[in-house]
PDB file of N, CA and C in Angstrom:
ATOM      1  N   MET A   1       7.528  -1.267  15.280  1.00  0.00           N
ATOM      2  CA  MET A   1       6.611  -0.443  14.507  1.00  0.00           C
ATOM      3  C   MET A   1       6.065  -1.282  13.363  1.00  0.00           C
ATOM      4  N   ASP A   2       4.812  -1.069  13.050  1.00  0.00           N
ATOM      5  CA  ASP A   2       4.119  -1.845  12.039  1.00  0.00           C
ATOM      6  C   ASP A   2       3.635  -0.910  10.934  1.00  0.00           C
ATOM      7  N   LEU A   3       3.638  -1.408   9.701  1.00  0.00           N
ATOM      8  CA  LEU A   3       3.113  -0.668   8.556  1.00  0.00           C
ATOM      9  C   LEU A   3       2.038  -1.507   7.894  1.00  0.00           C
ATOM     10  N   SER A   4       0.876  -0.908   7.691  1.00  0.00           N
ATOM     11  CA  SER A   4      -0.213  -1.583   7.011  1.00  0.00           C
ATOM     12  C   SER A   4      -0.647  -0.735   5.821  1.00  0.00           C
ATOM     13  N   LEU A   5      -0.702  -1.343   4.647  1.00  0.00           N
ATOM     14  CA  LEU A   5      -1.146  -0.684   3.420  1.00  0.00           C
ATOM     15  C   LEU A   5      -2.382  -1.443   2.948  1.00  0.00           C
ATOM     16  N   HIS A   6      -3.507  -0.734   2.813  1.00  0.00           N
ATOM     17  CA  HIS A   6      -4.763  -1.449   2.587  1.00  0.00           C
ATOM     18  C   HIS A   6      -5.690  -0.691   1.654  1.00  0.00           C
ATOM     19  N   GLY A   7      -6.295  -1.400   0.718  1.00  0.00           N
ATOM     20  CA  GLY A   7      -7.332  -0.847  -0.144  1.00  0.00           C
ATOM     21  C   GLY A   7      -8.688  -0.949   0.535  1.00  0.00           C
ATOM     22  N   THR A   8      -9.458   0.121   0.476  1.00  0.00           N
ATOM     23  CA  THR A   8     -10.708   0.157   1.237  1.00  0.00           C
ATOM     24  C   THR A   8     -11.800  -0.750   0.675  1.00  0.00           C
ATOM     25  N   THR A   9     -11.663  -1.204  -0.561  1.00  0.00           N
ATOM     26  CA  THR A   9     -12.664  -2.119  -1.118  1.00  0.00           C
ATOM     27  C   THR A   9     -12.095  -3.528  -1.275  1.00  0.00           C
ATOM     28  N   ASP A  10     -11.135  -3.854  -0.449  1.00  0.00           N
ATOM     29  CA  ASP A  10     -10.530  -5.189  -0.442  1.00  0.00           C
ATOM     30  C   ASP A  10     -11.531  -6.185   0.135  1.00  0.00           C
ATOM     31  N   PRO A  11     -11.997  -7.155  -0.680  1.00  0.00           N
ATOM     32  CA  PRO A  11     -12.966  -8.118  -0.151  1.00  0.00           C
ATOM     33  C   PRO A  11     -12.329  -9.152   0.774  1.00  0.00           C
ATOM     34  N   THR A  12     -11.004  -9.236   0.775  1.00  0.00           N
ATOM     35  CA  THR A  12     -10.294 -10.196   1.621  1.00  0.00           C
ATOM     36  C   THR A  12     -10.273  -9.741   3.075  1.00  0.00           C
ATOM     37  N   SER A  13     -10.084  -8.443   3.285  1.00  0.00           N
ATOM     38  CA  SER A  13     -10.077  -7.863   4.634  1.00  0.00           C
ATOM     39  C   SER A  13     -10.932  -6.605   4.587  1.00  0.00           C
ATOM     40  N   GLU A  14     -12.138  -6.716   5.053  1.00  0.00           N
ATOM     41  CA  GLU A  14     -13.049  -5.581   5.006  1.00  0.00           C
ATOM     42  C   GLU A  14     -12.660  -4.529   6.044  1.00  0.00           C
ATOM     43  N   MET A  15     -13.202  -3.331   5.877  1.00  0.00           N
ATOM     44  CA  MET A  15     -12.795  -2.210   6.716  1.00  0.00           C
ATOM     45  C   MET A  15     -13.068  -2.437   8.205  1.00  0.00           C
ATOM     46  N   ASN A  16     -14.106  -3.177   8.543  1.00  0.00           N
ATOM     47  CA  ASN A  16     -14.346  -3.444   9.968  1.00  0.00           C
ATOM     48  C   ASN A  16     -13.214  -4.295  10.551  1.00  0.00           C
ATOM     49  N   GLU A  17     -12.639  -5.175   9.748  1.00  0.00           N
ATOM     50  CA  GLU A  17     -11.493  -5.971  10.206  1.00  0.00           C
ATOM     51  C   GLU A  17     -10.244  -5.106  10.347  1.00  0.00           C
ATOM     52  N   VAL A  18     -10.072  -4.167   9.432  1.00  0.00           N
ATOM     53  CA  VAL A  18      -8.933  -3.249   9.501  1.00  0.00           C
ATOM     54  C   VAL A  18      -9.047  -2.389  10.757  1.00  0.00           C
ATOM     55  N   ALA A  19     -10.247  -1.906  11.031  1.00  0.00           N
ATOM     56  CA  ALA A  19     -10.477  -1.113  12.247  1.00  0.00           C
ATOM     57  C   ALA A  19     -10.189  -1.936  13.498  1.00  0.00           C
ATOM     58  N   ALA A  20     -10.572  -3.205  13.479  1.00  0.00           N
ATOM     59  CA  ALA A  20     -10.313  -4.075  14.641  1.00  0.00           C
ATOM     60  C   ALA A  20      -8.818  -4.268  14.849  1.00  0.00           C
ATOM     61  N   ILE A  21      -8.082  -4.423  13.754  1.00  0.00           N
ATOM     62  CA  ILE A  21      -6.616  -4.552  13.863  1.00  0.00           C
ATOM     63  C   ILE A  21      -6.029  -3.273  14.446  1.00  0.00           C
ATOM     64  N   ALA A  22      -6.484  -2.122  13.951  1.00  0.00           N
ATOM     65  CA  ALA A  22      -5.991  -0.846  14.478  1.00  0.00           C
ATOM     66  C   ALA A  22      -6.297  -0.716  15.966  1.00  0.00           C
ATOM     67  N   ASN A  23      -7.487  -1.126  16.370  1.00  0.00           N
ATOM     68  CA  ASN A  23      -7.848  -1.078  17.793  1.00  0.00           C
ATOM     69  C   ASN A  23      -6.962  -2.002  18.620  1.00  0.00           C
ATOM     70  N   ASP A  24      -6.725  -3.209  18.118  1.00  0.00           N
ATOM     71  CA  ASP A  24      -5.864  -4.155  18.836  1.00  0.00           C
ATOM     72  C   ASP A  24      -4.442  -3.612  18.975  1.00  0.00           C
ATOM     73  N   LEU A  25      -3.912  -3.047  17.902  1.00  0.00           N
ATOM     74  CA  LEU A  25      -2.560  -2.486  17.960  1.00  0.00           C
ATOM     75  C   LEU A  25      -2.503  -1.324  18.948  1.00  0.00           C
ATOM     76  N   THR A  26      -3.527  -0.494  18.947  1.00  0.00           N
ATOM     77  CA  THR A  26      -3.572   0.640  19.873  1.00  0.00           C
ATOM     78  C   THR A  26      -3.656   0.158  21.320  1.00  0.00           C
ATOM     79  N   GLU A  27      -4.521  -0.804  21.565  1.00  0.00           N
ATOM     80  CA  GLU A  27      -4.690  -1.323  22.929  1.00  0.00           C
ATOM     81  C   GLU A  27      -3.418  -1.970  23.461  1.00  0.00           C
ATOM     82  N   THR A  28      -2.642  -2.576  22.578  1.00  0.00           N
ATOM     83  CA  THR A  28      -1.401  -3.218  23.017  1.00  0.00           C
ATOM     84  C   THR A  28      -0.192  -2.286  22.883  1.00  0.00           C
ATOM     85  N   ARG A  29      -0.481  -1.023  22.588  1.00  0.00           N
ATOM     86  CA  ARG A  29       0.535   0.033  22.522  1.00  0.00           C
ATOM     87  C   ARG A  29       1.610  -0.210  21.461  1.00  0.00           C
ATOM     88  N   VAL A  30       1.206  -0.851  20.364  1.00  0.00           N
ATOM     89  CA  VAL A  30       2.107  -1.031  19.227  1.00  0.00           C
ATOM     90  C   VAL A  30       2.058   0.242  18.393  1.00  0.00           C
ATOM     91  N   THR A  31       3.209   0.774  18.074  1.00  0.00           N
ATOM     92  CA  THR A  31       3.280   1.931  17.194  1.00  0.00           C
ATOM     93  C   THR A  31       3.080   1.447  15.763  1.00  0.00           C
ATOM     94  N   PHE A  32       2.193   2.120  15.035  1.00  0.00           N
ATOM     95  CA  PHE A  32       1.928   1.654  13.669  1.00  0.00           C
ATOM     96  C   PHE A  32       1.541   2.812  12.766  1.00  0.00           C
ATOM     97  N   ASP A  33       1.781   2.615  11.497  1.00  0.00           N
ATOM     98  CA  ASP A  33       1.297   3.500  10.436  1.00  0.00           C
ATOM     99  C   ASP A  33       0.334   2.682   9.600  1.00  0.00           C
ATOM    100  N   MET A  34      -0.782   3.293   9.236  1.00  0.00           N
ATOM    101  CA  MET A  34      -1.752   2.607   8.407  1.00  0.00           C
ATOM    102  C   MET A  34      -2.140   3.545   7.269  1.00  0.00           C
ATOM    103  N   GLU A  35      -1.908   3.089   6.066  1.00  0.00           N
ATOM    104  CA  GLU A  35      -2.279   3.850   4.879  1.00  0.00           C
ATOM    105  C   GLU A  35      -3.464   3.160   4.223  1.00  0.00           C
ATOM    106  N   LEU A  36      -4.522   3.920   3.989  1.00  0.00           N
ATOM    107  CA  LEU A  36      -5.714   3.388   3.346  1.00  0.00           C
ATOM    108  C   LEU A  36      -5.843   4.014   1.964  1.00  0.00           C
ATOM    109  N   TYR A  37      -6.115   3.174   0.982  1.00  0.00           N
ATOM    110  CA  TYR A  37      -6.260   3.625  -0.397  1.00  0.00           C
ATOM    111  C   TYR A  37      -7.714   3.445  -0.807  1.00  0.00           C
ATOM    112  N   GLY A  38      -8.394   4.551  -1.026  1.00  0.00           N
ATOM    113  CA  GLY A  38      -9.818   4.538  -1.313  1.00  0.00           C
ATOM    114  C   GLY A  38     -10.180   3.881  -2.638  1.00  0.00           C
ATOM    115  N   ASN A  39     -11.220   3.064  -2.585  1.00  0.00           N
ATOM    116  CA  ASN A  39     -11.755   2.380  -3.769  1.00  0.00           C
ATOM    117  C   ASN A  39     -10.717   1.510  -4.463  1.00  0.00           C
ATOM    118  N   VAL A  40      -9.843   0.910  -3.682  1.00  0.00           N
ATOM    119  CA  VAL A  40      -8.797   0.029  -4.205  1.00  0.00           C
ATOM    120  C   VAL A  40      -8.984  -1.350  -3.585  1.00  0.00           C
ATOM    121  N   ARG A  41      -8.811  -2.377  -4.429  1.00  0.00           N
ATOM    122  CA  ARG A  41      -9.013  -3.749  -3.981  1.00  0.00           C
ATOM    123  C   ARG A  41      -7.704  -4.395  -3.526  1.00  0.00           C
ATOM    124  N   HIS A  42      -7.762  -5.686  -3.250  1.00  0.00           N
ATOM    125  CA  HIS A  42      -6.648  -6.429  -2.660  1.00  0.00           C
ATOM    126  C   HIS A  42      -5.406  -6.494  -3.546  1.00  0.00           C
ATOM    127  N   THR A  43      -5.582  -6.650  -4.829  1.00  0.00           N
ATOM    128  CA  THR A  43      -4.445  -6.865  -5.734  1.00  0.00           C
ATOM    129  C   THR A  43      -3.925  -5.554  -6.319  1.00  0.00           C
ATOM    130  N   LEU A  44      -3.900  -4.518  -5.510  1.00  0.00           N
ATOM    131  CA  LEU A  44      -3.546  -3.183  -5.978  1.00  0.00           C
ATOM    132  C   LEU A  44      -2.156  -3.085  -6.588  1.00  0.00           C
ATOM    133  N   THR A  45      -1.246  -3.967  -6.230  1.00  0.00           N
ATOM    134  CA  THR A  45       0.126  -3.887  -6.762  1.00  0.00           C
ATOM    135  C   THR A  45       0.483  -5.074  -7.650  1.00  0.00           C
ATOM    136  N   SER A  46      -0.493  -5.861  -8.040  1.00  0.00           N
ATOM    137  CA  SER A  46      -0.229  -7.057  -8.852  1.00  0.00           C
ATOM    138  C   SER A  46      -0.415  -6.738 -10.334  1.00  0.00           C
ATOM    139  N   TRP A  47       0.694  -6.582 -11.030  1.00  0.00           N
ATOM    140  CA  TRP A  47       0.637  -6.276 -12.466  1.00  0.00           C
ATOM    141  C   TRP A  47      -0.128  -7.366 -13.196  1.00  0.00           C
ATOM    142  N   GLY A  48      -0.876  -6.970 -14.197  1.00  0.00           N
ATOM    143  CA  GLY A  48      -1.539  -7.929 -15.062  1.00  0.00           C
ATOM    144  C   GLY A  48      -2.892  -8.422 -14.584  1.00  0.00           C
ATOM    145  N   VAL A  49      -3.347  -7.968 -13.436  1.00  0.00           N
ATOM    146  CA  VAL A  49      -4.683  -8.365 -12.975  1.00  0.00           C
ATOM    147  C   VAL A  49      -5.635  -7.180 -13.152  1.00  0.00           C
ATOM    148  N   ASN A  50      -6.910  -7.457 -13.169  1.00  0.00           N
ATOM    149  CA  ASN A  50      -7.910  -6.412 -13.410  1.00  0.00           C
ATOM    150  C   ASN A  50      -7.897  -5.317 -12.357  1.00  0.00           C
ATOM    151  N   ASP A  51      -7.554  -5.657 -11.131  1.00  0.00           N
ATOM    152  CA  ASP A  51      -7.597  -4.684 -10.033  1.00  0.00           C
ATOM    153  C   ASP A  51      -6.311  -3.880  -9.872  1.00  0.00           C
ATOM    154  N   TYR A  52      -5.331  -4.117 -10.733  1.00  0.00           N
ATOM    155  CA  TYR A  52      -4.062  -3.387 -10.608  1.00  0.00           C
ATOM    156  C   TYR A  52      -4.317  -1.892 -10.702  1.00  0.00           C
ATOM    157  N   ASP A  53      -3.710  -1.145  -9.787  1.00  0.00           N
ATOM    158  CA  ASP A  53      -3.875   0.306  -9.743  1.00  0.00           C
ATOM    159  C   ASP A  53      -2.481   0.938  -9.737  1.00  0.00           C
ATOM    160  N   PRO A  54      -2.012   1.448 -10.883  1.00  0.00           N
ATOM    161  CA  PRO A  54      -0.641   1.957 -10.954  1.00  0.00           C
ATOM    162  C   PRO A  54      -0.361   3.117 -10.001  1.00  0.00           C
ATOM    163  N   LYS A  55      -1.327   3.997  -9.795  1.00  0.00           N
ATOM    164  CA  LYS A  55      -1.120   5.121  -8.876  1.00  0.00           C
ATOM    165  C   LYS A  55      -0.905   4.614  -7.453  1.00  0.00           C
ATOM    166  N   THR A  56      -1.768   3.705  -7.024  1.00  0.00           N
ATOM    167  CA  THR A  56      -1.648   3.154  -5.676  1.00  0.00           C
ATOM    168  C   THR A  56      -0.394   2.294  -5.548  1.00  0.00           C
ATOM    169  N   ASP A  57      -0.028   1.597  -6.600  1.00  0.00           N
ATOM    170  CA  ASP A  57       1.207   0.818  -6.597  1.00  0.00           C
ATOM    171  C   ASP A  57       2.388   1.727  -6.289  1.00  0.00           C
ATOM    172  N   THR A  58       2.460   2.864  -6.976  1.00  0.00           N
ATOM    173  CA  THR A  58       3.550   3.817  -6.758  1.00  0.00           C
ATOM    174  C   THR A  58       3.497   4.397  -5.347  1.00  0.00           C
ATOM    175  N   GLN A  59       2.308   4.792  -4.899  1.00  0.00           N
ATOM    176  CA  GLN A  59       2.170   5.365  -3.557  1.00  0.00           C
ATOM    177  C   GLN A  59       2.571   4.365  -2.479  1.00  0.00           C
ATOM    178  N   SER A  60       2.103   3.142  -2.608  1.00  0.00           N
ATOM    179  CA  SER A  60       2.410   2.142  -1.573  1.00  0.00           C
ATOM    180  C   SER A  60       3.884   1.771  -1.591  1.00  0.00           C
ATOM    181  N   TYR A  61       4.482   1.747  -2.769  1.00  0.00           N
ATOM    182  CA  TYR A  61       5.918   1.458  -2.858  1.00  0.00           C
ATOM    183  C   TYR A  61       6.725   2.573  -2.198  1.00  0.00           C
ATOM    184  N   ASP A  62       6.314   3.817  -2.413  1.00  0.00           N
ATOM    185  CA  ASP A  62       6.987   4.939  -1.749  1.00  0.00           C
ATOM    186  C   ASP A  62       6.875   4.825  -0.230  1.00  0.00           C
ATOM    187  N   GLU A  63       5.696   4.425   0.255  1.00  0.00           N
ATOM    188  CA  GLU A  63       5.518   4.226   1.702  1.00  0.00           C
ATOM    189  C   GLU A  63       6.465   3.149   2.220  1.00  0.00           C
ATOM    190  N   LEU A  64       6.572   2.073   1.473  1.00  0.00           N
ATOM    191  CA  LEU A  64       7.451   0.974   1.865  1.00  0.00           C
ATOM    192  C   LEU A  64       8.904   1.429   1.927  1.00  0.00           C
ATOM    193  N   LEU A  65       9.323   2.242   0.957  1.00  0.00           N
ATOM    194  CA  LEU A  65      10.714   2.711   0.921  1.00  0.00           C
ATOM    195  C   LEU A  65      11.037   3.689   2.039  1.00  0.00           C
ATOM    196  N   THR A  66      10.067   4.518   2.434  1.00  0.00           N
ATOM    197  CA  THR A  66      10.332   5.507   3.468  1.00  0.00           C
ATOM    198  C   THR A  66      10.074   4.978   4.879  1.00  0.00           C
ATOM    199  N   PHE A  67       9.419   3.847   4.984  1.00  0.00           N
ATOM    200  CA  PHE A  67       9.100   3.276   6.294  1.00  0.00           C
ATOM    201  C   PHE A  67      10.333   3.080   7.173  1.00  0.00           C
ATOM    202  N   PRO A  68      11.421   2.476   6.663  1.00  0.00           N
ATOM    203  CA  PRO A  68      12.597   2.288   7.539  1.00  0.00           C
ATOM    204  C   PRO A  68      13.162   3.593   8.088  1.00  0.00           C
ATOM    205  N   GLU A  69      13.061   4.683   7.334  1.00  0.00           N
ATOM    206  CA  GLU A  69      13.547   5.974   7.811  1.00  0.00           C
ATOM    207  C   GLU A  69      12.776   6.440   9.041  1.00  0.00           C
ATOM    208  N   ARG A  70      11.509   6.080   9.111  1.00  0.00           N
ATOM    209  CA  ARG A  70      10.692   6.489  10.258  1.00  0.00           C
ATOM    210  C   ARG A  70      10.960   5.643  11.498  1.00  0.00           C
ATOM    211  N   LEU A  71      11.657   4.540  11.318  1.00  0.00           N
ATOM    212  CA  LEU A  71      11.963   3.683  12.461  1.00  0.00           C
ATOM    213  C   LEU A  71      13.080   4.246  13.336  1.00  0.00           C
ATOM    214  N   PHE A  72      13.921   5.050  12.729  1.00  0.00           N
ATOM    215  CA  PHE A  72      15.112   5.527  13.461  1.00  0.00           C
ATOM    216  C   PHE A  72      15.128   7.024  13.620  1.00  0.00           C
TER     217      PHE A  72
END
C-alpha cells in the first residue's frame, strides 16, 4: 500500500503528474491513499520557510501516523 501527500500548487510535481501517478498505480493494481491539500506548495511541512502551512503540517502528520493502522 502506498501513501501520497501532496499540495495542489506544488511546482515540483504538478497535478497532471500526480494524476499520472494515480493512473499508473491503478493500472498496476497498487492499493494507495492519496491526500491532496488545496492551495499548498511543496514545502508544506518545512518549518521556517515561506510556504510552511501549520494546518496542513498537522493534517499530513496525522495521515502519516494513522497510515500503518490501515495496512492491517
